[in-house]
Amino acid sequence: MWRTRWTVPEGRYGDAPHPPVLLVFNRLGERNPNRTVARLQEQTRHLWQGEQQRGGHHHYDRKIPIIAVGLNNLREHGPAGPVFLRFGSDHMQPLLEAIGNPRREAADAREEEESKARQAEYQAQVRRAAQEQAVKQAAEREARRPVCAGCGAKFADARWEAVQPKGWGAPKDSHPQLCDGCKQRAITAECQTEQAGPEQKAGGTWLSRFRG
């Protein structure tokens, strides 16, 4: 019947699929509940004992949490008081802590934080590596940047792109070794030379005829 009434809450109640068992002792006469609790712990160890982990906490997979409390303490402090002894524990706890696994929760929280820190450090390393690679590639590209044969200045990006070889049939740059400014001056000088050429030639012919 307990399976129809008990579901395993996530988080606080840890990893126990079975409902916790609460033993309430009411001392009457000469019987000492402390001795009874000790015997019960030993006889039921296989039911509640967890496996200790490296972090000091325990895993209680498929184990039954068994908690003992004295009726007088329960009346005096209530369920929120530290009067519950979970079998296997060496100190009293409030009920919710006794039936849960707070040390595992703390260990899981630490592991999650450590995992986040490792992930953040990994991402930082990736970013640093990418930045270093980008700087290296930029330096290598800068080392390949052409230098103007005229003035010695480095080509601007647009000029560098303009002198790059294109496909078959594409027009070639007329002065691939010159920057934009030197190219314009070279073209201007060439045009002036071409324009002055016919005049010089015509003048030379007229003078030769005059002399003849």
C-alpha atoms as a PDB file:
ATOM      1  CA  MET A   1       0.000   0.000   0.000  1.00  0.00           C
ATOM      2  CA  TRP A   2       2.831   2.417   0.696  1.00  0.00           C
ATOM      3  CA  ARG A   3       3.673   2.470  -3.015  1.00  0.00           C
ATOM      4  CA  THR A   4       0.312   4.121  -3.689  1.00  0.00           C
ATOM      5  CA  ARG A   5       0.956   6.831  -1.083  1.00  0.00           C
ATOM      6  CA  TRP A   6       4.683   7.510  -1.443  1.00  0.00           C
ATOM      7  CA  THR A   7       6.492   9.176  -4.286  1.00  0.00           C
ATOM      8  CA  VAL A   8      10.164  10.017  -4.227  1.00  0.00           C
ATOM      9  CA  PRO A   9      10.558  13.795  -3.942  1.00  0.00           C
ATOM     10  CA  GLU A  10      13.434  15.282  -5.873  1.00  0.00           C
ATOM     11  CA  GLY A  11      16.322  17.108  -4.254  1.00  0.00           C
ATOM     12  CA  ARG A  12      16.059  17.275  -0.510  1.00  0.00           C
ATOM     13  CA  TYR A  13      15.051  13.678   0.086  1.00  0.00           C
ATOM     14  CA  GLY A  14      18.059  12.306  -1.732  1.00  0.00           C
ATOM     15  CA  ASP A  15      18.083   8.963  -3.452  1.00  0.00           C
ATOM     16  CA  ALA A  16      15.871   6.717  -1.305  1.00  0.00           C
ATOM     17  CA  PRO A  17      12.992   5.176  -3.337  1.00  0.00           C
ATOM     18  CA  HIS A  18      11.406   3.800  -0.147  1.00  0.00           C
ATOM     19  CA  PRO A  19       9.492   5.854   2.427  1.00  0.00           C
ATOM     20  CA  PRO A  20      11.367   6.552   5.656  1.00  0.00           C
ATOM     21  CA  VAL A  21      10.382   4.591   8.735  1.00  0.00           C
ATOM     22  CA  LEU A  22       9.924   6.581  11.948  1.00  0.00           C
ATOM     23  CA  LEU A  23      10.184   4.724  15.238  1.00  0.00           C
ATOM     24  CA  VAL A  24       8.738   6.631  18.205  1.00  0.00           C
ATOM     25  CA  PHE A  25       9.803   5.265  21.601  1.00  0.00           C
ATOM     26  CA  ASN A  26       7.766   5.908  24.715  1.00  0.00           C
ATOM     27  CA  ARG A  27       9.768   4.855  27.772  1.00  0.00           C
ATOM     28  CA  LEU A  28       7.738   2.893  30.300  1.00  0.00           C
ATOM     29  CA  GLY A  29       9.119   1.145  33.353  1.00  0.00           C
ATOM     30  CA  GLU A  30      12.685  -0.165  33.381  1.00  0.00           C
ATOM     31  CA  ARG A  31      13.090  -0.551  29.628  1.00  0.00           C
ATOM     32  CA  ASN A  32      15.829   1.645  28.183  1.00  0.00           C
ATOM     33  CA  PRO A  33      15.070   2.748  24.598  1.00  0.00           C
ATOM     34  CA  ASN A  34      18.735   3.564  24.040  1.00  0.00           C
ATOM     35  CA  ARG A  35      19.683  -0.107  24.230  1.00  0.00           C
ATOM     36  CA  THR A  36      16.731  -1.037  22.011  1.00  0.00           C
ATOM     37  CA  VAL A  37      17.752   1.500  19.371  1.00  0.00           C
ATOM     38  CA  ALA A  38      21.306   0.140  19.342  1.00  0.00           C
ATOM     39  CA  ARG A  39      20.069  -3.415  18.818  1.00  0.00           C
ATOM     40  CA  LEU A  40      17.672  -2.341  16.088  1.00  0.00           C
ATOM     41  CA  GLN A  41      20.419  -0.480  14.260  1.00  0.00           C
ATOM     42  CA  GLU A  42      22.615  -3.530  14.215  1.00  0.00           C
ATOM     43  CA  GLN A  43      19.848  -5.926  13.158  1.00  0.00           C
ATOM     44  CA  THR A  44      18.602  -3.686  10.346  1.00  0.00           C
ATOM     45  CA  ARG A  45      21.979  -2.444   9.080  1.00  0.00           C
ATOM     46  CA  HIS A  46      21.566  -4.142   5.718  1.00  0.00           C
ATOM     47  CA  LEU A  47      18.358  -2.167   5.152  1.00  0.00           C
ATOM     48  CA  TRP A  48      19.611   1.368   5.865  1.00  0.00           C
ATOM     49  CA  GLN A  49      23.384   1.429   5.555  1.00  0.00           C
ATOM     50  CA  GLY A  50      24.625   3.550   2.661  1.00  0.00           C
ATOM     51  CA  GLU A  51      27.877   3.618   0.758  1.00  0.00           C
ATOM     52  CA  GLN A  52      30.347   6.285   1.807  1.00  0.00           C
ATOM     53  CA  GLN A  53      31.702   8.458  -0.972  1.00  0.00           C
ATOM     54  CA  ARG A  54      34.989  10.312  -1.326  1.00  0.00           C
ATOM     55  CA  GLY A  55      33.398  13.562  -0.201  1.00  0.00           C
ATOM     56  CA  GLY A  56      32.356  12.034   3.124  1.00  0.00           C
ATOM     57  CA  HIS A  57      28.655  11.796   2.282  1.00  0.00           C
ATOM     58  CA  HIS A  58      26.716   8.588   1.652  1.00  0.00           C
ATOM     59  CA  HIS A  59      24.577   7.235  -1.155  1.00  0.00           C
ATOM     60  CA  TYR A  60      21.442   5.421  -0.051  1.00  0.00           C
ATOM     61  CA  ASP A  61      20.318   3.889  -3.323  1.00  0.00           C
ATOM     62  CA  ARG A  62      17.464   1.464  -2.641  1.00  0.00           C
ATOM     63  CA  LYS A  63      17.900   1.763   1.105  1.00  0.00           C
ATOM     64  CA  ILE A  64      15.255   2.546   3.747  1.00  0.00           C
ATOM     65  CA  PRO A  65      15.820   5.564   5.993  1.00  0.00           C
ATOM     66  CA  ILE A  66      15.051   4.501   9.576  1.00  0.00           C
ATOM     67  CA  ILE A  67      14.701   7.272  12.171  1.00  0.00           C
ATOM     68  CA  ALA A  68      14.180   6.955  15.909  1.00  0.00           C
ATOM     69  CA  VAL A  69      12.829   9.574  18.334  1.00  0.00           C
ATOM     70  CA  GLY A  70      11.723   9.597  21.953  1.00  0.00           C
ATOM     71  CA  LEU A  71       8.131  10.622  22.576  1.00  0.00           C
ATOM     72  CA  ASN A  72       9.066  13.029  25.381  1.00  0.00           C
ATOM     73  CA  ASN A  73      11.595  14.818  23.160  1.00  0.00           C
ATOM     74  CA  LEU A  74       9.083  14.914  20.321  1.00  0.00           C
ATOM     75  CA  ARG A  75       6.478  16.517  22.616  1.00  0.00           C
ATOM     76  CA  GLU A  76       8.972  19.042  23.924  1.00  0.00           C
ATOM     77  CA  HIS A  77      10.683  20.110  20.692  1.00  0.00           C
ATOM     78  CA  GLY A  78       8.245  19.125  17.955  1.00  0.00           C
ATOM     79  CA  PRO A  79       9.154  17.785  14.483  1.00  0.00           C
ATOM     80  CA  ALA A  80      11.375  20.795  13.751  1.00  0.00           C
ATOM     81  CA  GLY A  81      13.632  20.152  16.742  1.00  0.00           C
ATOM     82  CA  PRO A  82      16.938  18.269  16.538  1.00  0.00           C
ATOM     83  CA  VAL A  83      15.621  15.159  18.290  1.00  0.00           C
ATOM     84  CA  PHE A  84      15.608  12.584  15.470  1.00  0.00           C
ATOM     85  CA  LEU A  85      18.349   9.985  15.111  1.00  0.00           C
ATOM     86  CA  ARG A  86      18.788   8.451  11.707  1.00  0.00           C
ATOM     87  CA  PHE A  87      20.247   4.974  11.888  1.00  0.00           C
ATOM     88  CA  GLY A  88      23.901   5.282  10.940  1.00  0.00           C
ATOM     89  CA  SER A  89      24.184   8.887  12.109  1.00  0.00           C
ATOM     90  CA  ASP A  90      26.035   9.976  15.246  1.00  0.00           C
ATOM     91  CA  HIS A  91      23.970  13.082  16.084  1.00  0.00           C
ATOM     92  CA  MET A  92      20.392  14.251  16.355  1.00  0.00           C
ATOM     93  CA  GLN A  93      18.760  16.199  13.522  1.00  0.00           C
ATOM     94  CA  PRO A  94      15.477  17.892  12.637  1.00  0.00           C
ATOM     95  CA  LEU A  95      13.095  15.535  10.896  1.00  0.00           C
ATOM     96  CA  LEU A  96      13.531  16.810   7.337  1.00  0.00           C
ATOM     97  CA  GLU A  97      17.303  16.620   7.598  1.00  0.00           C
ATOM     98  CA  ALA A  98      17.128  13.160   9.156  1.00  0.00           C
ATOM     99  CA  ILE A  99      15.026  11.702   6.349  1.00  0.00           C
ATOM    100  CA  GLY A 100      16.989  13.564   3.682  1.00  0.00           C
ATOM    101  CA  ASN A 101      20.630  13.563   2.717  1.00  0.00           C
ATOM    102  CA  PRO A 102      21.889  17.144   3.247  1.00  0.00           C
ATOM    103  CA  ARG A 103      25.566  16.187   3.033  1.00  0.00           C
ATOM    104  CA  ARG A 104      25.020  14.655  -0.381  1.00  0.00           C
ATOM    105  CA  GLU A 105      23.075  17.729  -1.450  1.00  0.00           C
ATOM    106  CA  ALA A 106      25.980  19.894  -0.298  1.00  0.00           C
ATOM    107  CA  ALA A 107      28.455  17.631  -2.114  1.00  0.00           C
ATOM    108  CA  ASP A 108      26.336  17.734  -5.273  1.00  0.00           C
ATOM    109  CA  ALA A 109      26.157  21.526  -5.028  1.00  0.00           C
ATOM    110  CA  ARG A 110      29.943  21.724  -4.650  1.00  0.00           C
ATOM    111  CA  GLU A 111      30.448  19.385  -7.585  1.00  0.00           C
ATOM    112  CA  GLU A 112      28.083  21.478  -9.709  1.00  0.00           C
ATOM    113  CA  GLU A 113      29.931  24.674  -8.782  1.00  0.00           C
ATOM    114  CA  GLU A 114      33.273  23.024  -9.524  1.00  0.00           C
ATOM    115  CA  SER A 115      31.912  21.793 -12.846  1.00  0.00           C
ATOM    116  CA  LYS A 116      30.728  25.304 -13.696  1.00  0.00           C
ATOM    117  CA  ALA A 117      34.133  26.699 -12.721  1.00  0.00           C
ATOM    118  CA  ARG A 118      35.899  24.108 -14.907  1.00  0.00           C
ATOM    119  CA  GLN A 119      33.572  24.877 -17.791  1.00  0.00           C
ATOM    120  CA  ALA A 120      34.132  28.615 -17.375  1.00  0.00           C
ATOM    121  CA  GLU A 121      37.909  28.095 -17.310  1.00  0.00           C
ATOM    122  CA  TYR A 122      37.700  25.899 -20.401  1.00  0.00           C
ATOM    123  CA  GLN A 123      35.658  28.527 -22.231  1.00  0.00           C
ATOM    124  CA  ALA A 124      38.184  31.180 -21.162  1.00  0.00           C
ATOM    125  CA  GLN A 125      41.018  29.023 -22.507  1.00  0.00           C
ATOM    126  CA  VAL A 126      39.142  28.576 -25.789  1.00  0.00           C
ATOM    127  CA  ARG A 127      38.633  32.338 -26.058  1.00  0.00           C
ATOM    128  CA  ARG A 128      42.282  33.029 -25.253  1.00  0.00           C
ATOM    129  CA  ALA A 129      43.417  30.472 -27.827  1.00  0.00           C
ATOM    130  CA  ALA A 130      41.093  32.002 -30.427  1.00  0.00           C
ATOM    131  CA  GLN A 131      42.387  35.483 -29.656  1.00  0.00           C
ATOM    132  CA  GLU A 132      46.002  34.334 -29.862  1.00  0.00           C
ATOM    133  CA  GLN A 133      45.270  32.590 -33.161  1.00  0.00           C
ATOM    134  CA  ALA A 134      43.575  35.719 -34.497  1.00  0.00           C
ATOM    135  CA  VAL A 135      46.554  37.861 -33.470  1.00  0.00           C
ATOM    136  CA  LYS A 136      48.955  35.389 -35.096  1.00  0.00           C
ATOM    137  CA  GLN A 137      46.936  35.287 -38.319  1.00  0.00           C
ATOM    138  CA  ALA A 138      46.731  39.092 -38.381  1.00  0.00           C
ATOM    139  CA  ALA A 139      50.499  39.339 -37.929  1.00  0.00           C
ATOM    140  CA  GLU A 140      51.121  36.793 -40.690  1.00  0.00           C
ATOM    141  CA  ARG A 141      48.724  38.639 -42.997  1.00  0.00           C
ATOM    142  CA  GLU A 142      50.390  41.957 -42.214  1.00  0.00           C
ATOM    143  CA  ALA A 143      53.771  40.444 -43.035  1.00  0.00           C
ATOM    144  CA  ARG A 144      52.431  39.511 -46.514  1.00  0.00           C
ATOM    145  CA  ARG A 145      50.981  42.975 -47.173  1.00  0.00           C
ATOM    146  CA  PRO A 146      52.544  44.438 -50.354  1.00  0.00           C
ATOM    147  CA  VAL A 147      54.717  47.546 -50.217  1.00  0.00           C
ATOM    148  CA  CYS A 148      54.481  50.266 -52.854  1.00  0.00           C
ATOM    149  CA  ALA A 149      57.461  50.222 -55.226  1.00  0.00           C
ATOM    150  CA  GLY A 150      57.182  53.958 -55.547  1.00  0.00           C
ATOM    151  CA  CYS A 151      56.858  55.455 -52.084  1.00  0.00           C
ATOM    152  CA  GLY A 152      57.472  52.388 -49.898  1.00  0.00           C
ATOM    153  CA  ALA A 153      54.108  52.654 -48.097  1.00  0.00           C
ATOM    154  CA  LYS A 154      52.113  49.529 -47.351  1.00  0.00           C
ATOM    155  CA  PHE A 155      49.055  48.880 -49.457  1.00  0.00           C
ATOM    156  CA  ALA A 156      45.662  49.646 -47.940  1.00  0.00           C
ATOM    157  CA  ASP A 157      43.273  46.691 -47.761  1.00  0.00           C
ATOM    158  CA  ALA A 158      41.214  47.921 -50.725  1.00  0.00           C
ATOM    159  CA  ARG A 159      44.335  48.372 -52.866  1.00  0.00           C
ATOM    160  CA  TRP A 160      45.665  44.983 -51.833  1.00  0.00           C
ATOM    161  CA  GLU A 161      42.394  43.383 -52.834  1.00  0.00           C
ATOM    162  CA  ALA A 162      42.387  45.263 -56.166  1.00  0.00           C
ATOM    163  CA  VAL A 163      45.756  43.881 -57.261  1.00  0.00           C
ATOM    164  CA  GLN A 164      44.922  40.272 -56.407  1.00  0.00           C
ATOM    165  CA  PRO A 165      44.814  37.976 -59.449  1.00  0.00           C
ATOM    166  CA  LYS A 166      41.291  37.515 -60.786  1.00  0.00           C
ATOM    167  CA  GLY A 167      39.933  34.837 -63.051  1.00  0.00           C
ATOM    168  CA  TRP A 168      40.625  34.308 -66.750  1.00  0.00           C
ATOM    169  CA  GLY A 169      39.493  37.249 -68.839  1.00  0.00           C
ATOM    170  CA  ALA A 170      39.293  39.636 -65.887  1.00  0.00           C
ATOM    171  CA  PRO A 171      41.072  42.957 -66.419  1.00  0.00           C
ATOM    172  CA  LYS A 172      44.436  43.252 -64.728  1.00  0.00           C
ATOM    173  CA  ASP A 173      45.572  46.213 -62.719  1.00  0.00           C
ATOM    174  CA  SER A 174      47.813  48.490 -64.745  1.00  0.00           C
ATOM    175  CA  HIS A 175      50.255  49.213 -61.930  1.00  0.00           C
ATOM    176  CA  PRO A 176      50.076  46.318 -59.416  1.00  0.00           C
ATOM    177  CA  GLN A 177      53.314  47.351 -57.704  1.00  0.00           C
ATOM    178  CA  LEU A 178      52.095  50.862 -56.857  1.00  0.00           C
ATOM    179  CA  CYS A 179      49.737  52.188 -54.179  1.00  0.00           C
ATOM    180  CA  ASP A 180      46.688  54.228 -55.191  1.00  0.00           C
ATOM    181  CA  GLY A 181      48.470  57.578 -54.970  1.00  0.00           C
ATOM    182  CA  CYS A 182      51.562  56.489 -56.879  1.00  0.00           C
ATOM    183  CA  LYS A 183      49.375  54.749 -59.451  1.00  0.00           C
ATOM    184  CA  GLN A 184      47.425  57.917 -60.130  1.00  0.00           C
ATOM    185  CA  ARG A 185      50.606  59.959 -60.461  1.00  0.00           C
ATOM    186  CA  ALA A 186      52.094  57.350 -62.798  1.00  0.00           C
ATOM    187  CA  ILE A 187      48.983  57.354 -64.985  1.00  0.00           C
ATOM    188  CA  THR A 188      48.955  61.145 -65.062  1.00  0.00           C
ATOM    189  CA  ALA A 189      52.622  61.234 -66.052  1.00  0.00           C
ATOM    190  CA  GLU A 190      52.039  58.648 -68.789  1.00  0.00           C
ATOM    191  CA  CYS A 191      49.135  60.637 -70.200  1.00  0.00           C
ATOM    192  CA  GLN A 192      51.195  63.815 -70.246  1.00  0.00           C
ATOM    193  CA  THR A 193      54.008  61.994 -72.010  1.00  0.00           C
ATOM    194  CA  GLU A 194      51.633  60.627 -74.632  1.00  0.00           C
ATOM    195  CA  GLN A 195      50.143  64.062 -75.224  1.00  0.00           C
ATOM    196  CA  ALA A 196      53.547  65.743 -75.493  1.00  0.00           C
ATOM    197  CA  GLY A 197      54.928  63.135 -77.883  1.00  0.00           C
ATOM    198  CA  PRO A 198      53.059  64.165 -81.072  1.00  0.00           C
ATOM    199  CA  GLU A 199      53.813  67.874 -80.521  1.00  0.00           C
ATOM    200  CA  GLN A 200      57.508  67.217 -80.118  1.00  0.00           C
ATOM    201  CA  LYS A 201      57.480  65.049 -83.194  1.00  0.00           C
ATOM    202  CA  ALA A 202      55.660  67.676 -85.291  1.00  0.00           C
ATOM    203  CA  GLY A 203      58.007  70.439 -84.100  1.00  0.00           C
ATOM    204  CA  GLY A 204      61.053  68.430 -85.029  1.00  0.00           C
ATOM    205  CA  THR A 205      59.773  67.883 -88.604  1.00  0.00           C
ATOM    206  CA  TRP A 206      59.048  71.602 -89.156  1.00  0.00           C
ATOM    207  CA  LEU A 207      62.501  72.613 -87.964  1.00  0.00           C
ATOM    208  CA  SER A 208      64.150  70.062 -90.238  1.00  0.00           C
ATOM    209  CA  ARG A 209      62.222  71.416 -93.222  1.00  0.00           C
ATOM    210  CA  PHE A 210      63.177  75.006 -92.326  1.00  0.00           C
ATOM    211  CA  ARG A 211      66.821  74.067 -92.158  1.00  0.00           C
ATOM    212  CA  GLY A 212      66.636  72.315 -95.503  1.00  0.00           C
END
